[in-house]
Amino acid sequence: MRLEDEIAQKDFPSIKTKTIVNLIYTNNWLESNQRDFFKPFGITSQQFNILRILRELDPKAATIGLLKEKMLDKMCDVSRMVERLRLKKLINRQLNIEDRRAVDIVISDKGLALLQEIDQYLPNFEQVATPLSVQELEELNVLLDKIRG
């Protein structure tokens, strides 16, 4: 559906304004879909992102700093999310042997099992991109990268 119809606005001051509004509207729409997708698994998309990063590093550990660096949402409170994941027993925290001020974070077996379960359903979430061809998706990625410079 066209942006103008979705938000009941006829005109925009410029094509740049319309594009920015469209990106913001689409981002919010995607975030809403993500919330709905992850809700049955008892985690948020940011928590999923942390688990995904830890699985990629497994068996190596990560620090809070490394997780912040790799997060998609740079504004989230990684320390708080790590604690919530620890309470759910999806990750383990341990003192770093070389630097006692640092904490090592590793994904637990329960966390790995949850990601394996989610992996089965990810194609369902990816259906949001179905209206676009592979070529259009590649072009969209190039354009989004170009916007970010």
N, C-alpha and C. Protein backbone atom coordinates (compact mmCIF):
# COMPACT_ATOMS: atom_id res chain seq x y z
N MET A 1 0.83 -1.18 0.00
CA MET A 1 0.00 0.00 0.00
C MET A 1 0.89 1.25 0.00
N ARG A 2 0.46 2.26 -0.68
CA ARG A 2 1.22 3.51 -0.79
C ARG A 2 1.28 4.22 0.56
N LEU A 3 2.40 4.87 0.82
CA LEU A 3 2.59 5.62 2.06
C LEU A 3 1.48 6.64 2.26
N GLU A 4 1.14 7.35 1.20
CA GLU A 4 0.09 8.38 1.30
C GLU A 4 -1.21 7.80 1.83
N ASP A 5 -1.55 6.60 1.39
CA ASP A 5 -2.78 5.94 1.84
C ASP A 5 -2.65 5.44 3.28
N GLU A 6 -1.48 4.92 3.63
CA GLU A 6 -1.25 4.39 4.98
C GLU A 6 -1.39 5.46 6.04
N ILE A 7 -0.86 6.65 5.77
CA ILE A 7 -0.86 7.69 6.80
C ILE A 7 -1.83 8.83 6.47
N ALA A 8 -2.61 8.64 5.43
CA ALA A 8 -3.64 9.63 5.02
C ALA A 8 -3.04 11.03 4.86
N GLN A 9 -1.99 11.09 4.06
CA GLN A 9 -1.36 12.37 3.75
C GLN A 9 -1.20 12.46 2.23
N LYS A 10 -1.70 13.55 1.66
CA LYS A 10 -1.67 13.69 0.21
C LYS A 10 -0.31 14.09 -0.33
N ASP A 11 0.25 15.13 0.26
CA ASP A 11 1.48 15.69 -0.28
C ASP A 11 2.59 15.74 0.76
N PHE A 12 3.80 15.78 0.26
CA PHE A 12 4.99 15.96 1.10
C PHE A 12 5.75 17.16 0.56
N PRO A 13 6.46 17.86 1.42
CA PRO A 13 7.19 19.04 0.97
C PRO A 13 8.21 18.74 -0.14
N SER A 14 8.78 17.53 -0.11
CA SER A 14 9.76 17.14 -1.13
C SER A 14 9.83 15.62 -1.19
N ILE A 15 10.46 15.12 -2.24
CA ILE A 15 10.65 13.67 -2.37
C ILE A 15 11.58 13.16 -1.28
N LYS A 16 12.52 14.00 -0.84
CA LYS A 16 13.40 13.59 0.25
C LYS A 16 12.60 13.41 1.54
N THR A 17 11.71 14.35 1.83
CA THR A 17 10.86 14.23 3.02
C THR A 17 10.02 12.97 2.95
N LYS A 18 9.40 12.72 1.79
CA LYS A 18 8.58 11.52 1.63
C LYS A 18 9.41 10.26 1.85
N THR A 19 10.62 10.24 1.32
CA THR A 19 11.49 9.07 1.47
C THR A 19 11.85 8.83 2.93
N ILE A 20 12.20 9.89 3.64
CA ILE A 20 12.55 9.76 5.05
C ILE A 20 11.36 9.28 5.86
N VAL A 21 10.19 9.86 5.61
CA VAL A 21 8.98 9.43 6.31
C VAL A 21 8.68 7.96 5.98
N ASN A 22 8.86 7.59 4.74
CA ASN A 22 8.61 6.21 4.32
C ASN A 22 9.57 5.25 5.01
N LEU A 23 10.84 5.62 5.13
CA LEU A 23 11.81 4.78 5.84
C LEU A 23 11.43 4.62 7.31
N ILE A 24 11.05 5.72 7.96
CA ILE A 24 10.66 5.67 9.37
C ILE A 24 9.40 4.82 9.54
N TYR A 25 8.42 5.02 8.68
CA TYR A 25 7.17 4.26 8.76
C TYR A 25 7.44 2.77 8.55
N THR A 26 8.27 2.45 7.56
CA THR A 26 8.59 1.05 7.26
C THR A 26 9.38 0.42 8.40
N ASN A 27 10.31 1.16 8.98
CA ASN A 27 11.07 0.66 10.13
C ASN A 27 10.12 0.32 11.29
N ASN A 28 9.20 1.21 11.59
CA ASN A 28 8.25 0.95 12.67
C ASN A 28 7.37 -0.25 12.36
N TRP A 29 6.99 -0.41 11.11
CA TRP A 29 6.19 -1.56 10.68
C TRP A 29 6.99 -2.86 10.87
N LEU A 30 8.26 -2.83 10.48
CA LEU A 30 9.12 -4.01 10.66
C LEU A 30 9.32 -4.33 12.14
N GLU A 31 9.54 -3.31 12.96
CA GLU A 31 9.71 -3.53 14.40
C GLU A 31 8.46 -4.15 15.02
N SER A 32 7.30 -3.72 14.58
CA SER A 32 6.05 -4.30 15.07
C SER A 32 5.95 -5.78 14.69
N ASN A 33 6.32 -6.09 13.45
CA ASN A 33 6.34 -7.49 13.01
C ASN A 33 7.33 -8.31 13.82
N GLN A 34 8.50 -7.71 14.12
CA GLN A 34 9.50 -8.41 14.93
C GLN A 34 8.97 -8.70 16.33
N ARG A 35 8.35 -7.70 16.96
CA ARG A 35 7.79 -7.91 18.31
C ARG A 35 6.82 -9.09 18.30
N ASP A 36 5.93 -9.11 17.30
CA ASP A 36 4.96 -10.20 17.20
C ASP A 36 5.64 -11.54 16.96
N PHE A 37 6.71 -11.54 16.16
CA PHE A 37 7.42 -12.78 15.85
C PHE A 37 8.12 -13.35 17.08
N PHE A 38 8.82 -12.51 17.85
CA PHE A 38 9.63 -12.99 18.97
C PHE A 38 8.83 -13.22 20.24
N LYS A 39 7.64 -12.66 20.33
CA LYS A 39 6.83 -12.76 21.56
C LYS A 39 6.63 -14.21 22.03
N PRO A 40 6.24 -15.14 21.15
CA PRO A 40 6.04 -16.52 21.61
C PRO A 40 7.30 -17.18 22.17
N PHE A 41 8.47 -16.66 21.82
CA PHE A 41 9.74 -17.22 22.28
C PHE A 41 10.20 -16.59 23.59
N GLY A 42 9.49 -15.56 24.05
CA GLY A 42 9.80 -14.92 25.32
C GLY A 42 11.02 -14.02 25.31
N ILE A 43 11.40 -13.54 24.12
CA ILE A 43 12.53 -12.63 24.02
C ILE A 43 12.17 -11.46 23.11
N THR A 44 13.00 -10.43 23.16
CA THR A 44 12.84 -9.29 22.27
C THR A 44 13.79 -9.43 21.09
N SER A 45 13.61 -8.59 20.09
CA SER A 45 14.52 -8.65 18.94
C SER A 45 15.94 -8.29 19.34
N GLN A 46 16.10 -7.37 20.31
CA GLN A 46 17.45 -7.03 20.78
C GLN A 46 18.09 -8.20 21.51
N GLN A 47 17.30 -8.92 22.31
CA GLN A 47 17.83 -10.10 22.99
C GLN A 47 18.20 -11.18 21.97
N PHE A 48 17.38 -11.33 20.95
CA PHE A 48 17.71 -12.27 19.87
C PHE A 48 19.03 -11.88 19.23
N ASN A 49 19.22 -10.57 19.02
CA ASN A 49 20.45 -10.10 18.39
C ASN A 49 21.66 -10.48 19.24
N ILE A 50 21.56 -10.32 20.56
CA ILE A 50 22.66 -10.71 21.45
C ILE A 50 22.92 -12.21 21.36
N LEU A 51 21.86 -13.01 21.39
CA LEU A 51 22.03 -14.46 21.29
C LEU A 51 22.66 -14.85 19.95
N ARG A 52 22.24 -14.19 18.88
CA ARG A 52 22.77 -14.46 17.55
C ARG A 52 24.27 -14.15 17.50
N ILE A 53 24.66 -13.03 18.10
CA ILE A 53 26.08 -12.65 18.14
C ILE A 53 26.88 -13.68 18.94
N LEU A 54 26.34 -14.08 20.09
CA LEU A 54 27.05 -15.06 20.93
C LEU A 54 27.16 -16.41 20.24
N ARG A 55 26.12 -16.81 19.51
CA ARG A 55 26.20 -18.08 18.78
C ARG A 55 27.29 -18.01 17.71
N GLU A 56 27.38 -16.87 17.06
CA GLU A 56 28.41 -16.68 16.03
C GLU A 56 29.81 -16.79 16.62
N LEU A 57 29.99 -16.32 17.86
CA LEU A 57 31.30 -16.34 18.52
C LEU A 57 31.60 -17.68 19.20
N ASP A 58 30.56 -18.46 19.49
CA ASP A 58 30.69 -19.69 20.26
C ASP A 58 31.78 -20.59 19.69
N PRO A 59 32.70 -21.10 20.48
CA PRO A 59 32.72 -21.16 21.94
C PRO A 59 33.43 -19.98 22.60
N LYS A 60 33.90 -19.01 21.81
CA LYS A 60 34.56 -17.85 22.40
C LYS A 60 33.56 -16.99 23.16
N ALA A 61 34.06 -16.24 24.12
CA ALA A 61 33.22 -15.36 24.93
C ALA A 61 33.22 -13.95 24.33
N ALA A 62 32.22 -13.19 24.72
CA ALA A 62 32.12 -11.78 24.33
C ALA A 62 32.12 -10.93 25.59
N THR A 63 32.48 -9.67 25.42
CA THR A 63 32.36 -8.70 26.51
C THR A 63 31.17 -7.80 26.19
N ILE A 64 30.74 -7.03 27.18
CA ILE A 64 29.66 -6.07 26.96
C ILE A 64 30.06 -5.12 25.83
N GLY A 65 31.30 -4.67 25.83
CA GLY A 65 31.79 -3.75 24.80
C GLY A 65 31.68 -4.34 23.40
N LEU A 66 32.06 -5.60 23.25
CA LEU A 66 31.97 -6.24 21.94
C LEU A 66 30.51 -6.36 21.50
N LEU A 67 29.63 -6.74 22.43
CA LEU A 67 28.22 -6.85 22.09
C LEU A 67 27.66 -5.49 21.65
N LYS A 68 28.00 -4.43 22.37
CA LYS A 68 27.54 -3.08 22.00
C LYS A 68 28.00 -2.73 20.59
N GLU A 69 29.22 -3.09 20.29
CA GLU A 69 29.81 -2.78 18.98
C GLU A 69 29.06 -3.49 17.86
N LYS A 70 28.63 -4.73 18.10
CA LYS A 70 28.00 -5.54 17.07
C LYS A 70 26.48 -5.42 17.00
N MET A 71 25.87 -4.76 18.00
CA MET A 71 24.41 -4.66 18.05
C MET A 71 23.85 -3.86 16.89
N LEU A 72 22.67 -4.25 16.43
CA LEU A 72 21.98 -3.49 15.39
C LEU A 72 21.42 -2.20 15.96
N ASP A 73 20.92 -2.27 17.20
CA ASP A 73 20.36 -1.10 17.88
C ASP A 73 21.43 -0.55 18.83
N LYS A 74 22.10 0.49 18.41
CA LYS A 74 23.22 1.04 19.18
C LYS A 74 22.75 1.77 20.44
N MET A 75 21.45 2.04 20.58
CA MET A 75 20.94 2.79 21.72
C MET A 75 20.47 1.89 22.87
N CYS A 76 20.48 0.60 22.69
CA CYS A 76 19.94 -0.28 23.73
C CYS A 76 20.92 -0.45 24.89
N ASP A 77 20.39 -0.81 26.04
CA ASP A 77 21.18 -1.04 27.25
C ASP A 77 21.61 -2.51 27.28
N VAL A 78 22.78 -2.77 26.75
CA VAL A 78 23.26 -4.15 26.59
C VAL A 78 23.43 -4.82 27.95
N SER A 79 23.94 -4.10 28.94
CA SER A 79 24.16 -4.70 30.26
C SER A 79 22.85 -5.21 30.85
N ARG A 80 21.81 -4.43 30.71
CA ARG A 80 20.50 -4.82 31.24
C ARG A 80 19.94 -6.04 30.49
N MET A 81 20.12 -6.04 29.17
CA MET A 81 19.63 -7.17 28.38
C MET A 81 20.40 -8.45 28.69
N VAL A 82 21.70 -8.32 28.89
CA VAL A 82 22.53 -9.48 29.24
C VAL A 82 22.04 -10.06 30.57
N GLU A 83 21.73 -9.20 31.52
CA GLU A 83 21.24 -9.69 32.81
C GLU A 83 19.91 -10.42 32.66
N ARG A 84 19.03 -9.89 31.84
CA ARG A 84 17.74 -10.56 31.61
C ARG A 84 17.93 -11.92 30.95
N LEU A 85 18.85 -11.99 30.00
CA LEU A 85 19.13 -13.26 29.34
C LEU A 85 19.77 -14.25 30.32
N ARG A 86 20.59 -13.75 31.25
CA ARG A 86 21.21 -14.61 32.27
C ARG A 86 20.13 -15.18 33.19
N LEU A 87 19.18 -14.33 33.59
CA LEU A 87 18.10 -14.80 34.46
C LEU A 87 17.24 -15.86 33.77
N LYS A 88 17.14 -15.79 32.45
CA LYS A 88 16.39 -16.79 31.68
C LYS A 88 17.25 -18.02 31.38
N LYS A 89 18.52 -17.97 31.85
CA LYS A 89 19.48 -19.06 31.66
C LYS A 89 19.81 -19.30 30.18
N LEU A 90 19.73 -18.24 29.37
CA LEU A 90 20.05 -18.33 27.95
C LEU A 90 21.52 -18.01 27.68
N ILE A 91 22.17 -17.37 28.67
CA ILE A 91 23.59 -17.06 28.57
C ILE A 91 24.24 -17.32 29.93
N ASN A 92 25.55 -17.36 29.93
CA ASN A 92 26.32 -17.48 31.17
C ASN A 92 27.32 -16.33 31.23
N ARG A 93 27.51 -15.80 32.43
CA ARG A 93 28.50 -14.74 32.67
C ARG A 93 29.56 -15.28 33.60
N GLN A 94 30.80 -14.89 33.34
CA GLN A 94 31.91 -15.30 34.21
C GLN A 94 32.97 -14.21 34.18
N LEU A 95 33.72 -14.09 35.26
CA LEU A 95 34.79 -13.11 35.31
C LEU A 95 35.87 -13.48 34.31
N ASN A 96 36.41 -12.47 33.65
CA ASN A 96 37.50 -12.67 32.72
C ASN A 96 38.78 -12.93 33.52
N ILE A 97 39.46 -14.00 33.21
CA ILE A 97 40.65 -14.40 33.95
C ILE A 97 41.78 -13.37 33.78
N GLU A 98 41.92 -12.81 32.60
CA GLU A 98 43.01 -11.87 32.32
C GLU A 98 42.71 -10.46 32.80
N ASP A 99 41.43 -10.07 32.82
CA ASP A 99 41.05 -8.71 33.24
C ASP A 99 39.86 -8.83 34.18
N ARG A 100 40.11 -8.73 35.47
CA ARG A 100 39.06 -8.94 36.47
C ARG A 100 37.93 -7.91 36.40
N ARG A 101 38.16 -6.79 35.70
CA ARG A 101 37.10 -5.79 35.54
C ARG A 101 36.12 -6.19 34.44
N ALA A 102 36.55 -7.07 33.56
CA ALA A 102 35.73 -7.49 32.43
C ALA A 102 34.94 -8.74 32.78
N VAL A 103 33.80 -8.90 32.11
CA VAL A 103 32.96 -10.08 32.28
C VAL A 103 32.84 -10.77 30.93
N ASP A 104 33.07 -12.06 30.92
CA ASP A 104 32.91 -12.85 29.70
C ASP A 104 31.48 -13.36 29.62
N ILE A 105 30.92 -13.29 28.44
CA ILE A 105 29.54 -13.72 28.23
C ILE A 105 29.54 -14.78 27.14
N VAL A 106 28.93 -15.92 27.43
CA VAL A 106 28.82 -17.00 26.45
C VAL A 106 27.37 -17.48 26.40
N ILE A 107 27.00 -18.00 25.26
CA ILE A 107 25.65 -18.52 25.11
C ILE A 107 25.58 -19.88 25.80
N SER A 108 24.46 -20.16 26.45
CA SER A 108 24.28 -21.44 27.13
C SER A 108 23.67 -22.45 26.17
N ASP A 109 23.63 -23.70 26.60
CA ASP A 109 22.98 -24.74 25.79
C ASP A 109 21.50 -24.40 25.59
N LYS A 110 20.87 -23.86 26.62
CA LYS A 110 19.46 -23.47 26.51
C LYS A 110 19.30 -22.35 25.48
N GLY A 111 20.25 -21.41 25.46
CA GLY A 111 20.23 -20.33 24.47
C GLY A 111 20.40 -20.86 23.05
N LEU A 112 21.32 -21.81 22.89
CA LEU A 112 21.52 -22.43 21.57
C LEU A 112 20.27 -23.17 21.11
N ALA A 113 19.63 -23.86 22.04
CA ALA A 113 18.41 -24.61 21.70
C ALA A 113 17.29 -23.64 21.29
N LEU A 114 17.19 -22.52 21.99
CA LEU A 114 16.17 -21.53 21.63
C LEU A 114 16.42 -20.99 20.22
N LEU A 115 17.67 -20.68 19.91
CA LEU A 115 17.99 -20.18 18.57
C LEU A 115 17.69 -21.23 17.49
N GLN A 116 17.95 -22.49 17.79
CA GLN A 116 17.62 -23.55 16.83
C GLN A 116 16.12 -23.61 16.58
N GLU A 117 15.34 -23.41 17.64
CA GLU A 117 13.88 -23.40 17.49
C GLU A 117 13.45 -22.20 16.65
N ILE A 118 13.99 -21.03 16.96
CA ILE A 118 13.65 -19.81 16.22
C ILE A 118 14.04 -19.95 14.74
N ASP A 119 15.19 -20.57 14.49
CA ASP A 119 15.67 -20.74 13.11
C ASP A 119 14.63 -21.45 12.23
N GLN A 120 13.86 -22.34 12.82
CA GLN A 120 12.85 -23.07 12.06
C GLN A 120 11.74 -22.14 11.57
N TYR A 121 11.50 -21.05 12.31
CA TYR A 121 10.39 -20.15 12.00
C TYR A 121 10.84 -18.86 11.30
N LEU A 122 12.15 -18.61 11.22
CA LEU A 122 12.65 -17.38 10.58
C LEU A 122 12.15 -17.21 9.15
N PRO A 123 12.07 -18.27 8.35
CA PRO A 123 11.52 -18.08 7.00
C PRO A 123 10.11 -17.47 7.01
N ASN A 124 9.33 -17.76 8.04
CA ASN A 124 8.00 -17.16 8.14
C ASN A 124 8.11 -15.65 8.30
N PHE A 125 9.05 -15.20 9.14
CA PHE A 125 9.24 -13.77 9.34
C PHE A 125 9.77 -13.11 8.06
N GLU A 126 10.65 -13.79 7.37
CA GLU A 126 11.25 -13.23 6.16
C GLU A 126 10.25 -13.06 5.02
N GLN A 127 9.05 -13.59 5.21
CA GLN A 127 8.01 -13.43 4.19
C GLN A 127 7.66 -11.97 3.94
N VAL A 128 7.99 -11.08 4.89
CA VAL A 128 7.71 -9.65 4.68
C VAL A 128 8.44 -9.13 3.45
N ALA A 129 9.52 -9.78 3.04
CA ALA A 129 10.29 -9.35 1.88
C ALA A 129 9.85 -10.04 0.59
N THR A 130 8.87 -10.91 0.67
CA THR A 130 8.42 -11.69 -0.49
C THR A 130 7.98 -10.86 -1.69
N PRO A 131 7.34 -9.71 -1.49
CA PRO A 131 6.91 -8.94 -2.67
C PRO A 131 8.07 -8.47 -3.57
N LEU A 132 9.29 -8.51 -3.06
CA LEU A 132 10.44 -8.04 -3.83
C LEU A 132 11.21 -9.22 -4.43
N SER A 133 11.68 -9.02 -5.65
CA SER A 133 12.52 -10.04 -6.29
C SER A 133 13.91 -9.99 -5.66
N VAL A 134 14.72 -11.00 -5.96
CA VAL A 134 16.09 -11.03 -5.46
C VAL A 134 16.84 -9.80 -5.96
N GLN A 135 16.65 -9.46 -7.22
CA GLN A 135 17.32 -8.28 -7.78
C GLN A 135 16.87 -7.01 -7.06
N GLU A 136 15.59 -6.87 -6.77
CA GLU A 136 15.09 -5.70 -6.05
C GLU A 136 15.64 -5.64 -4.63
N LEU A 137 15.73 -6.80 -3.98
CA LEU A 137 16.30 -6.85 -2.64
C LEU A 137 17.76 -6.42 -2.65
N GLU A 138 18.52 -6.91 -3.63
CA GLU A 138 19.92 -6.51 -3.74
C GLU A 138 20.04 -5.01 -3.99
N GLU A 139 19.19 -4.49 -4.86
CA GLU A 139 19.20 -3.05 -5.16
C GLU A 139 18.81 -2.23 -3.92
N LEU A 140 17.82 -2.71 -3.18
CA LEU A 140 17.41 -2.02 -1.96
C LEU A 140 18.56 -1.97 -0.95
N ASN A 141 19.26 -3.07 -0.80
CA ASN A 141 20.41 -3.10 0.11
C ASN A 141 21.49 -2.11 -0.30
N VAL A 142 21.77 -2.04 -1.60
CA VAL A 142 22.76 -1.08 -2.10
C VAL A 142 22.30 0.35 -1.79
N LEU A 143 21.02 0.63 -2.02
CA LEU A 143 20.49 1.97 -1.78
C LEU A 143 20.52 2.34 -0.29
N LEU A 144 20.16 1.39 0.56
CA LEU A 144 20.20 1.66 2.01
C LEU A 144 21.63 1.90 2.48
N ASP A 145 22.56 1.09 1.97
CA ASP A 145 23.98 1.30 2.30
C ASP A 145 24.43 2.68 1.85
N LYS A 146 23.98 3.09 0.66
CA LYS A 146 24.35 4.39 0.10
C LYS A 146 23.81 5.53 0.96
N ILE A 147 22.59 5.40 1.47
CA ILE A 147 22.02 6.44 2.34
C ILE A 147 22.88 6.63 3.58
N ARG A 148 23.33 5.51 4.16
CA ARG A 148 24.15 5.59 5.38
C ARG A 148 25.57 6.05 5.09
N GLY A 149 25.92 6.10 3.79
CA GLY A 149 27.21 6.67 3.40
C GLY A 149 28.34 5.72 3.53
